[in-house]
Amino acid sequence: MKSRTDGKNIPLSNLIWIMIWVTVFVAFILLDLYFRIFHNEKNIFETVSLGSHSFEISVLENGNFIGVKILKLCAIILNLIYALKRSHKDRLLIAALAFTLLADTFFTFNPVSARAVFIFCFAQYFHSLRFSKNKRLSLARATVAVLFLIFGYVSKLSNIYAFAYVYTFLIIGNIHLSYRNLEKTVKEKTSEKAYLKASAFAFAGFILFYFCDVNIALTFYCTSGILPEYLGHYLAFIAWFFYYPSQVLIINSSLLHKE
């Protein structure tokens, strides 16, 4: 049974999802912009008690509103739900998205979390397995990543820098792999538009992902005092202009659709 279509043969379910993505994206961008402009210097902290333990939650800190952070996290959860519904057979994609969600959860409460960067490395590695059928090449990537970690440990490099090197190596590799797949699809002039669309979405998604990561890296340098601190306020905001569209493109790059 074919799903209903609207417009130029676009399934109605796809139009609904596009509307959801656009609505969520516009919502957290506008809310984030509002708090960063009008409450830039306001700080609100709440103490939460759980039994004998208590901890402090940053409700609003220099324009960063916890409600916006949670909305962004819900947007990532939404993407995982979409992938589970549409491409549940693509286990590597699901695994990558699960690690992405876990990493984003840590980033929600700590924007400079080394643990989150480490988890993102697994997300990128699972993505690389999606695009490369060469087991030796995949093993070589994993080996290089481990060597980076060993080098970081031996040289007593800060964990976040060691993980960032591994992550950079993996995401650049995914950009290369997705480009090679797109190039191959174009050269073969396949009649299946789905292959061309999936390859184009993957390549565009990882390019945007990389631009987001550049902003995140610069934001980290701002918080570390290497770059002016005020720039980090804007860079962290700009990062999501690249990040969320990249995730939407990547979850639509699978060919293992639900039958």
Protein backbone atom coordinates (compact mmCIF):
# COMPACT_ATOMS: atom_id res chain seq x y z
CA MET A 1 0.00 0.00 0.00
CA LYS A 2 1.51 3.30 -1.12
CA SER A 3 1.46 6.29 1.14
CA ARG A 4 -0.57 9.31 0.12
CA THR A 5 1.25 11.98 -1.83
CA ASP A 6 0.95 15.70 -2.09
CA GLY A 7 2.57 18.31 -4.32
CA LYS A 8 5.05 16.78 -6.77
CA ASN A 9 4.65 13.12 -5.78
CA ILE A 10 6.12 13.71 -2.32
CA PRO A 11 4.66 11.29 0.22
CA LEU A 12 2.42 13.06 2.71
CA SER A 13 4.32 11.45 5.59
CA ASN A 14 7.54 13.05 4.30
CA LEU A 15 5.87 16.46 4.13
CA ILE A 16 4.72 16.08 7.72
CA TRP A 17 8.23 15.20 8.87
CA ILE A 18 9.68 18.16 6.96
CA MET A 19 7.19 20.45 8.69
CA ILE A 20 8.15 18.96 12.07
CA TRP A 21 11.89 19.43 11.44
CA VAL A 22 11.45 23.00 10.24
CA THR A 23 9.16 23.88 13.16
CA VAL A 24 11.51 22.44 15.78
CA PHE A 25 14.56 24.04 14.14
CA VAL A 26 12.97 27.49 13.90
CA ALA A 27 11.62 27.19 17.47
CA PHE A 28 14.93 26.53 19.21
CA ILE A 29 16.82 28.98 16.99
CA LEU A 30 14.43 31.83 17.80
CA LEU A 31 14.28 30.94 21.51
CA ASP A 32 18.04 30.67 21.70
CA LEU A 33 18.44 34.00 19.92
CA TYR A 34 15.93 35.66 22.27
CA PHE A 35 17.68 34.56 25.47
CA ARG A 36 21.16 35.32 24.12
CA ILE A 37 20.12 38.88 23.15
CA PHE A 38 17.81 39.91 25.97
CA HIS A 39 19.17 37.84 28.88
CA ASN A 40 22.83 37.71 28.00
CA GLU A 41 24.05 38.73 31.45
CA LYS A 42 21.36 37.06 33.54
CA ASN A 43 22.15 33.99 35.64
CA ILE A 44 19.64 31.75 37.42
CA PHE A 45 20.67 28.62 39.32
CA GLU A 46 18.43 26.16 41.14
CA THR A 47 19.43 23.58 43.72
CA VAL A 48 17.81 20.18 43.25
CA SER A 49 17.80 17.60 46.02
CA LEU A 50 17.60 13.85 45.50
CA GLY A 51 17.55 12.11 48.86
CA SER A 52 20.72 13.06 50.71
CA HIS A 53 22.33 14.43 47.55
CA SER A 54 21.86 17.90 46.13
CA PHE A 55 23.24 19.53 43.01
CA GLU A 56 22.97 22.87 41.28
CA ILE A 57 21.31 23.28 37.88
CA SER A 58 21.99 26.20 35.60
CA VAL A 59 18.52 27.35 34.49
CA LEU A 60 19.87 30.43 32.72
CA GLU A 61 23.55 31.27 32.40
CA ASN A 62 24.78 34.11 30.19
CA GLY A 63 21.89 33.64 27.78
CA ASN A 64 22.01 29.85 27.75
CA PHE A 65 18.52 28.76 28.79
CA ILE A 66 18.10 25.15 29.90
CA GLY A 67 14.74 24.98 28.11
CA VAL A 68 16.47 25.61 24.78
CA LYS A 69 19.06 22.93 25.56
CA ILE A 70 16.31 20.40 26.33
CA LEU A 71 14.43 21.35 23.14
CA LYS A 72 17.59 20.74 21.12
CA LEU A 73 18.07 17.38 22.81
CA CYS A 74 14.44 16.48 22.04
CA ALA A 75 15.12 17.37 18.40
CA ILE A 76 17.94 14.79 18.34
CA ILE A 77 15.67 12.21 20.00
CA LEU A 78 13.11 12.95 17.28
CA ASN A 79 15.71 12.10 14.64
CA LEU A 80 16.42 8.75 16.27
CA ILE A 81 12.68 7.98 16.39
CA TYR A 82 12.44 8.85 12.69
CA ALA A 83 15.35 6.56 11.83
CA LEU A 84 13.90 3.70 13.90
CA LYS A 85 10.60 4.09 12.07
CA ARG A 86 11.95 4.59 8.56
CA SER A 87 15.30 2.79 8.44
CA HIS A 88 15.24 0.28 11.28
CA LYS A 89 17.13 -2.23 9.10
CA ASP A 90 20.13 0.10 8.96
CA ARG A 91 21.59 -1.00 12.27
CA LEU A 92 24.81 0.92 11.77
CA LEU A 93 22.85 4.16 11.29
CA ILE A 94 20.78 3.44 14.40
CA ALA A 95 23.94 2.72 16.41
CA ALA A 96 25.57 5.95 15.19
CA LEU A 97 22.46 7.97 16.09
CA ALA A 98 22.26 6.34 19.52
CA PHE A 99 25.84 7.37 20.27
CA THR A 100 25.07 10.84 18.88
CA LEU A 101 22.14 11.18 21.27
CA LEU A 102 24.25 10.01 24.21
CA ALA A 103 27.02 12.48 23.37
CA ASP A 104 24.54 15.33 22.95
CA THR A 105 23.08 14.49 26.36
CA PHE A 106 26.49 15.06 27.95
CA PHE A 107 26.99 18.23 25.91
CA THR A 108 23.61 19.52 27.13
CA PHE A 109 24.92 19.74 30.67
CA ASN A 110 28.59 20.33 29.89
CA PRO A 111 29.48 22.13 26.63
CA VAL A 112 33.16 21.19 26.97
CA SER A 113 32.68 17.54 27.94
CA ALA A 114 35.61 15.32 26.97
CA ARG A 115 33.35 12.32 27.53
CA ALA A 116 30.93 13.63 24.90
CA VAL A 117 33.73 14.02 22.34
CA PHE A 118 34.86 10.45 23.05
CA ILE A 119 31.31 9.13 22.52
CA PHE A 120 31.01 11.11 19.29
CA CYS A 121 34.06 9.19 18.03
CA PHE A 122 31.98 5.99 18.18
CA ALA A 123 29.16 7.70 16.29
CA GLN A 124 31.56 8.70 13.51
CA TYR A 125 33.10 5.22 13.40
CA PHE A 126 29.71 3.56 12.94
CA HIS A 127 28.97 6.03 10.15
CA SER A 128 32.27 5.06 8.50
CA LEU A 129 31.21 1.40 8.60
CA ARG A 130 28.04 2.38 6.71
CA PHE A 131 30.01 3.82 3.80
CA SER A 132 32.92 1.43 3.60
CA LYS A 133 32.50 -2.26 2.83
CA ASN A 134 36.25 -2.81 3.05
CA LYS A 135 36.80 -4.56 6.36
CA ARG A 136 40.57 -4.04 6.23
CA LEU A 137 40.12 -0.30 5.72
CA SER A 138 37.66 -0.13 8.61
CA LEU A 139 40.10 -2.02 10.83
CA ALA A 140 42.88 0.35 9.74
CA ARG A 141 40.77 3.35 10.76
CA ALA A 142 40.09 1.82 14.15
CA THR A 143 43.81 1.07 14.56
CA VAL A 144 44.81 4.66 13.71
CA ALA A 145 42.21 5.96 16.17
CA VAL A 146 43.62 3.76 18.94
CA LEU A 147 47.16 4.90 18.09
CA PHE A 148 46.00 8.51 18.47
CA LEU A 149 44.68 7.67 21.93
CA ILE A 150 47.89 5.87 22.91
CA PHE A 151 49.94 8.83 21.72
CA GLY A 152 47.74 11.18 23.74
CA TYR A 153 48.15 9.04 26.85
CA VAL A 154 51.92 8.67 26.49
CA SER A 155 52.42 12.37 25.78
CA LYS A 156 50.10 13.22 28.70
CA LEU A 157 47.85 15.18 26.40
CA SER A 158 44.59 16.45 27.84
CA ASN A 159 41.79 13.94 27.20
CA ILE A 160 39.62 16.40 25.29
CA TYR A 161 42.47 17.15 22.86
CA ALA A 162 43.30 13.47 22.35
CA PHE A 163 39.64 12.63 21.71
CA ALA A 164 39.30 15.65 19.41
CA TYR A 165 42.21 14.41 17.25
CA VAL A 166 40.56 11.01 16.91
CA TYR A 167 37.20 12.59 16.15
CA THR A 168 38.69 14.91 13.52
CA PHE A 169 40.40 11.97 11.83
CA LEU A 170 37.13 10.04 11.72
CA ILE A 171 34.86 12.82 10.46
CA ILE A 172 37.30 13.83 7.72
CA GLY A 173 37.37 10.17 6.73
CA ASN A 174 33.57 10.15 6.56
CA ILE A 175 33.55 13.25 4.38
CA HIS A 176 35.97 11.48 2.04
CA LEU A 177 33.97 8.23 2.04
CA SER A 178 30.64 9.97 1.42
CA TYR A 179 32.20 12.00 -1.40
CA ARG A 180 33.61 8.85 -3.00
CA ASN A 181 30.18 7.21 -2.81
CA LEU A 182 28.55 10.26 -4.38
CA GLU A 183 31.19 10.42 -7.11
CA LYS A 184 30.73 6.73 -7.86
CA THR A 185 26.95 7.08 -8.01
CA VAL A 186 27.17 10.03 -10.42
CA LYS A 187 29.67 8.27 -12.69
CA GLU A 188 27.58 5.12 -12.86
CA LYS A 189 24.58 7.22 -13.93
CA THR A 190 22.32 4.85 -12.04
CA SER A 191 18.62 5.00 -12.86
CA GLU A 192 17.81 4.70 -9.17
CA LYS A 193 17.35 8.28 -7.96
CA ALA A 194 17.27 6.99 -4.38
CA TYR A 195 20.98 6.11 -4.56
CA LEU A 196 21.93 9.55 -5.84
CA LYS A 197 19.74 11.28 -3.23
CA ALA A 198 21.12 9.19 -0.36
CA SER A 199 24.72 9.79 -1.44
CA ALA A 200 24.16 13.53 -1.86
CA PHE A 201 22.44 13.76 1.53
CA ALA A 202 25.29 11.90 3.23
CA PHE A 203 28.00 14.10 1.71
CA ALA A 204 26.15 17.35 2.40
CA GLY A 205 25.33 16.15 5.91
CA PHE A 206 28.95 15.49 6.83
CA ILE A 207 30.10 18.79 5.32
CA LEU A 208 27.61 20.63 7.55
CA PHE A 209 28.62 18.39 10.47
CA TYR A 210 32.24 19.46 9.96
CA PHE A 211 31.32 23.16 9.86
CA CYS A 212 29.46 22.67 13.13
CA ASP A 213 32.50 21.02 14.69
CA VAL A 214 34.73 23.90 13.60
CA ASN A 215 32.42 26.26 15.49
CA ILE A 216 32.43 23.99 18.53
CA ALA A 217 36.23 23.80 18.49
CA LEU A 218 36.50 27.59 18.28
CA THR A 219 33.97 27.89 21.12
CA PHE A 220 36.20 25.65 23.25
CA TYR A 221 39.19 27.89 22.49
CA CYS A 222 37.09 30.86 23.61
CA THR A 223 36.24 29.23 26.95
CA SER A 224 39.92 28.28 27.34
CA GLY A 225 41.03 31.89 26.93
CA ILE A 226 42.87 31.27 23.65
CA LEU A 227 40.31 33.33 21.73
CA PRO A 228 38.17 36.23 23.01
CA GLU A 229 35.50 34.84 25.32
CA TYR A 230 32.66 36.91 23.82
CA LEU A 231 33.10 35.15 20.46
CA GLY A 232 32.15 31.82 22.02
CA HIS A 233 28.68 33.18 22.73
CA TYR A 234 28.04 33.61 19.01
CA LEU A 235 29.94 30.57 17.79
CA ALA A 236 27.93 28.20 20.00
CA PHE A 237 24.75 29.67 18.54
CA ILE A 238 25.95 29.43 14.92
CA ALA A 239 27.00 25.79 15.38
CA TRP A 240 23.37 24.66 15.50
CA PHE A 241 22.67 26.26 12.12
CA PHE A 242 24.96 23.56 10.74
CA TYR A 243 24.40 20.75 13.22
CA TYR A 244 20.67 20.09 13.09
CA PRO A 245 20.38 20.25 9.27
CA SER A 246 23.37 17.90 9.09
CA GLN A 247 21.59 15.36 11.29
CA VAL A 248 18.38 15.57 9.23
CA LEU A 249 20.36 14.96 6.04
CA ILE A 250 22.30 12.06 7.53
CA ILE A 251 19.21 10.23 8.83
CA ASN A 252 17.82 10.46 5.30
CA SER A 253 20.96 8.99 3.72
CA SER A 254 20.04 5.37 4.36
CA LEU A 255 18.86 3.01 1.61
CA LEU A 256 17.70 0.36 4.06
CA HIS A 257 14.14 1.60 4.33
CA LYS A 258 11.24 -0.05 6.07
CA GLU A 259 9.26 -2.20 3.69
